[in-house]
Amino acid sequence: MMGNSLTDEEKTEDELWHEFKKTRSSQIRDKFIRQYMPLVKYVAGKVKTGMPDSVEYEDLIGFGQFGLLDAINKFDPDKNVK
């Protein structure tokens, strides 16, 4: 391996968060979205059980995606919060 250029797959999550904070890279953002979408779907499924039948699971996932994107954009790795 030449120099210190790691691919996104080789970097730790912490390194990716710091790079994303500096660059706002769409590739890193998309990687985080893929990584955390299973959690969004899990939470949507849990929330759906307490909702009326008129609330669609897919709608909850859509709202969760907006929340995930907002959380990714606002996350500050320097605060050492998981």
N, C-alpha and C. Protein backbone atom coordinates (compact mmCIF):
# COMPACT_ATOMS: atom_id res chain seq x y z
N MET A 1 0.84 -1.16 0.00
CA MET A 1 0.00 0.00 0.00
C MET A 1 0.89 1.23 0.00
N MET A 2 0.61 2.17 -0.87
CA MET A 2 1.43 3.37 -0.99
C MET A 2 0.86 4.48 -0.13
N GLY A 3 1.72 5.20 0.56
CA GLY A 3 1.29 6.36 1.32
C GLY A 3 0.33 6.00 2.43
N ASN A 4 -0.55 6.93 2.73
CA ASN A 4 -1.51 6.75 3.83
C ASN A 4 -2.94 6.86 3.32
N SER A 5 -3.17 6.47 2.05
CA SER A 5 -4.50 6.60 1.49
C SER A 5 -5.25 5.27 1.60
N LEU A 6 -6.11 5.21 2.59
CA LEU A 6 -6.94 4.03 2.79
C LEU A 6 -8.25 4.22 2.04
N THR A 7 -8.83 3.13 1.58
CA THR A 7 -10.16 3.23 0.99
C THR A 7 -11.16 3.40 2.13
N ASP A 8 -12.39 3.82 1.79
CA ASP A 8 -13.42 3.99 2.80
C ASP A 8 -13.68 2.69 3.55
N GLU A 9 -13.54 1.54 2.87
CA GLU A 9 -13.77 0.25 3.50
C GLU A 9 -12.68 -0.08 4.51
N GLU A 10 -11.49 0.48 4.34
CA GLU A 10 -10.38 0.17 5.22
C GLU A 10 -10.31 1.10 6.44
N LYS A 11 -11.03 2.19 6.40
CA LYS A 11 -11.00 3.16 7.50
C LYS A 11 -11.94 2.73 8.61
N THR A 12 -11.61 3.13 9.83
CA THR A 12 -12.51 2.85 10.95
C THR A 12 -13.71 3.77 10.84
N GLU A 13 -14.76 3.41 11.54
CA GLU A 13 -15.96 4.26 11.52
C GLU A 13 -15.64 5.65 12.05
N ASP A 14 -14.82 5.73 13.09
CA ASP A 14 -14.44 7.02 13.66
C ASP A 14 -13.70 7.87 12.62
N GLU A 15 -12.80 7.24 11.88
CA GLU A 15 -12.07 7.97 10.83
C GLU A 15 -13.03 8.47 9.75
N LEU A 16 -14.01 7.63 9.40
CA LEU A 16 -14.99 8.04 8.39
C LEU A 16 -15.82 9.22 8.88
N TRP A 17 -16.24 9.19 10.15
CA TRP A 17 -17.02 10.31 10.68
C TRP A 17 -16.22 11.61 10.64
N HIS A 18 -14.96 11.55 11.01
CA HIS A 18 -14.14 12.77 10.99
C HIS A 18 -13.94 13.26 9.55
N GLU A 19 -13.72 12.34 8.63
CA GLU A 19 -13.58 12.74 7.23
C GLU A 19 -14.89 13.34 6.71
N PHE A 20 -16.02 12.72 7.06
CA PHE A 20 -17.31 13.24 6.61
C PHE A 20 -17.55 14.65 7.16
N LYS A 21 -17.18 14.86 8.41
CA LYS A 21 -17.35 16.19 9.02
C LYS A 21 -16.58 17.25 8.24
N LYS A 22 -15.38 16.87 7.75
CA LYS A 22 -14.54 17.82 7.01
C LYS A 22 -15.00 18.00 5.57
N THR A 23 -15.36 16.89 4.92
CA THR A 23 -15.58 16.92 3.46
C THR A 23 -17.04 16.90 3.03
N ARG A 24 -17.92 16.40 3.90
CA ARG A 24 -19.34 16.19 3.54
C ARG A 24 -19.47 15.30 2.31
N SER A 25 -18.59 14.32 2.21
CA SER A 25 -18.54 13.40 1.08
C SER A 25 -19.87 12.64 0.93
N SER A 26 -20.43 12.67 -0.26
CA SER A 26 -21.67 11.93 -0.50
C SER A 26 -21.42 10.42 -0.45
N GLN A 27 -20.21 9.98 -0.81
CA GLN A 27 -19.89 8.55 -0.75
C GLN A 27 -19.90 8.07 0.70
N ILE A 28 -19.32 8.84 1.60
CA ILE A 28 -19.31 8.45 3.01
C ILE A 28 -20.72 8.52 3.58
N ARG A 29 -21.47 9.56 3.23
CA ARG A 29 -22.85 9.67 3.70
C ARG A 29 -23.67 8.46 3.26
N ASP A 30 -23.51 8.06 2.01
CA ASP A 30 -24.24 6.90 1.49
C ASP A 30 -23.83 5.62 2.22
N LYS A 31 -22.55 5.51 2.57
CA LYS A 31 -22.08 4.34 3.33
C LYS A 31 -22.77 4.31 4.69
N PHE A 32 -22.88 5.46 5.37
CA PHE A 32 -23.55 5.52 6.66
C PHE A 32 -25.04 5.19 6.52
N ILE A 33 -25.66 5.66 5.46
CA ILE A 33 -27.08 5.36 5.23
C ILE A 33 -27.26 3.84 5.08
N ARG A 34 -26.42 3.21 4.26
CA ARG A 34 -26.51 1.75 4.09
C ARG A 34 -26.26 1.03 5.42
N GLN A 35 -25.33 1.53 6.19
CA GLN A 35 -24.98 0.90 7.46
C GLN A 35 -26.12 0.99 8.47
N TYR A 36 -26.81 2.13 8.53
CA TYR A 36 -27.80 2.35 9.57
C TYR A 36 -29.25 2.10 9.15
N MET A 37 -29.51 1.82 7.87
CA MET A 37 -30.88 1.55 7.43
C MET A 37 -31.50 0.33 8.11
N PRO A 38 -30.76 -0.73 8.37
CA PRO A 38 -31.38 -1.84 9.11
C PRO A 38 -31.91 -1.40 10.49
N LEU A 39 -31.22 -0.49 11.14
CA LEU A 39 -31.69 0.03 12.42
C LEU A 39 -32.96 0.85 12.25
N VAL A 40 -33.04 1.65 11.18
CA VAL A 40 -34.25 2.42 10.89
C VAL A 40 -35.42 1.47 10.68
N LYS A 41 -35.20 0.41 9.92
CA LYS A 41 -36.28 -0.55 9.66
C LYS A 41 -36.70 -1.27 10.93
N TYR A 42 -35.74 -1.61 11.78
CA TYR A 42 -36.05 -2.27 13.05
C TYR A 42 -36.91 -1.35 13.93
N VAL A 43 -36.50 -0.10 14.05
CA VAL A 43 -37.26 0.84 14.88
C VAL A 43 -38.65 1.08 14.28
N ALA A 44 -38.73 1.20 12.96
CA ALA A 44 -40.04 1.38 12.31
C ALA A 44 -40.96 0.21 12.62
N GLY A 45 -40.43 -0.99 12.61
CA GLY A 45 -41.23 -2.17 12.94
C GLY A 45 -41.72 -2.14 14.38
N LYS A 46 -40.85 -1.71 15.29
CA LYS A 46 -41.24 -1.60 16.71
C LYS A 46 -42.30 -0.53 16.91
N VAL A 47 -42.11 0.61 16.26
CA VAL A 47 -43.07 1.72 16.39
C VAL A 47 -44.41 1.34 15.78
N LYS A 48 -44.39 0.62 14.67
CA LYS A 48 -45.62 0.23 13.97
C LYS A 48 -46.55 -0.57 14.86
N THR A 49 -46.01 -1.38 15.75
CA THR A 49 -46.86 -2.22 16.59
C THR A 49 -47.76 -1.40 17.51
N GLY A 50 -47.37 -0.18 17.81
CA GLY A 50 -48.19 0.66 18.68
C GLY A 50 -49.02 1.68 17.93
N MET A 51 -49.05 1.61 16.63
CA MET A 51 -49.76 2.59 15.81
C MET A 51 -51.06 2.02 15.25
N PRO A 52 -51.97 2.91 14.89
CA PRO A 52 -53.20 2.44 14.23
C PRO A 52 -52.88 1.81 12.88
N ASP A 53 -53.80 0.99 12.39
CA ASP A 53 -53.61 0.32 11.10
C ASP A 53 -53.45 1.29 9.94
N SER A 54 -53.94 2.52 10.10
CA SER A 54 -53.84 3.50 9.03
C SER A 54 -52.41 4.00 8.81
N VAL A 55 -51.53 3.74 9.76
CA VAL A 55 -50.13 4.13 9.62
C VAL A 55 -49.38 3.00 8.91
N GLU A 56 -48.79 3.32 7.78
CA GLU A 56 -48.09 2.32 6.97
C GLU A 56 -46.63 2.18 7.41
N TYR A 57 -46.16 0.94 7.42
CA TYR A 57 -44.77 0.64 7.76
C TYR A 57 -43.82 1.39 6.82
N GLU A 58 -44.13 1.42 5.53
CA GLU A 58 -43.28 2.09 4.55
C GLU A 58 -43.19 3.58 4.83
N ASP A 59 -44.28 4.19 5.31
CA ASP A 59 -44.25 5.61 5.67
C ASP A 59 -43.31 5.84 6.85
N LEU A 60 -43.36 4.94 7.82
CA LEU A 60 -42.47 5.06 8.98
C LEU A 60 -41.00 4.94 8.54
N ILE A 61 -40.74 4.05 7.62
CA ILE A 61 -39.37 3.92 7.10
C ILE A 61 -38.95 5.20 6.39
N GLY A 62 -39.85 5.77 5.61
CA GLY A 62 -39.55 7.03 4.92
C GLY A 62 -39.23 8.15 5.90
N PHE A 63 -40.04 8.27 6.95
CA PHE A 63 -39.76 9.29 7.97
C PHE A 63 -38.44 8.99 8.67
N GLY A 64 -38.19 7.70 8.88
CA GLY A 64 -36.94 7.30 9.52
C GLY A 64 -35.72 7.63 8.66
N GLN A 65 -35.87 7.51 7.34
CA GLN A 65 -34.77 7.88 6.43
C GLN A 65 -34.46 9.37 6.54
N PHE A 66 -35.50 10.19 6.61
CA PHE A 66 -35.28 11.63 6.78
C PHE A 66 -34.57 11.91 8.11
N GLY A 67 -35.00 11.23 9.15
CA GLY A 67 -34.37 11.39 10.45
C GLY A 67 -32.92 10.93 10.45
N LEU A 68 -32.66 9.82 9.77
CA LEU A 68 -31.30 9.30 9.67
C LEU A 68 -30.40 10.29 8.94
N LEU A 69 -30.86 10.82 7.83
CA LEU A 69 -30.07 11.78 7.07
C LEU A 69 -29.79 13.03 7.90
N ASP A 70 -30.80 13.50 8.62
CA ASP A 70 -30.61 14.66 9.50
C ASP A 70 -29.59 14.35 10.59
N ALA A 71 -29.68 13.16 11.18
CA ALA A 71 -28.75 12.77 12.24
C ALA A 71 -27.32 12.66 11.70
N ILE A 72 -27.16 12.10 10.51
CA ILE A 72 -25.84 11.98 9.90
C ILE A 72 -25.24 13.37 9.69
N ASN A 73 -26.05 14.28 9.16
CA ASN A 73 -25.55 15.63 8.88
C ASN A 73 -25.22 16.41 10.15
N LYS A 74 -25.91 16.13 11.24
CA LYS A 74 -25.70 16.88 12.48
C LYS A 74 -24.71 16.22 13.43
N PHE A 75 -24.36 14.95 13.18
CA PHE A 75 -23.50 14.22 14.11
C PHE A 75 -22.13 14.89 14.22
N ASP A 76 -21.65 15.02 15.46
CA ASP A 76 -20.34 15.60 15.71
C ASP A 76 -19.47 14.55 16.40
N PRO A 77 -18.52 13.95 15.65
CA PRO A 77 -17.69 12.90 16.24
C PRO A 77 -16.79 13.41 17.37
N ASP A 78 -16.57 14.70 17.46
CA ASP A 78 -15.71 15.26 18.50
C ASP A 78 -16.38 15.23 19.87
N LYS A 79 -17.68 15.01 19.92
CA LYS A 79 -18.38 14.97 21.21
C LYS A 79 -18.32 13.60 21.87
N ASN A 80 -17.72 12.62 21.19
CA ASN A 80 -17.55 11.26 21.71
C ASN A 80 -18.88 10.62 22.17
N VAL A 81 -19.91 10.79 21.37
CA VAL A 81 -21.22 10.19 21.63
C VAL A 81 -21.42 9.08 20.63
N LYS A 82 -21.90 7.92 21.10
CA LYS A 82 -22.16 6.80 20.19
C LYS A 82 -23.44 7.04 19.44
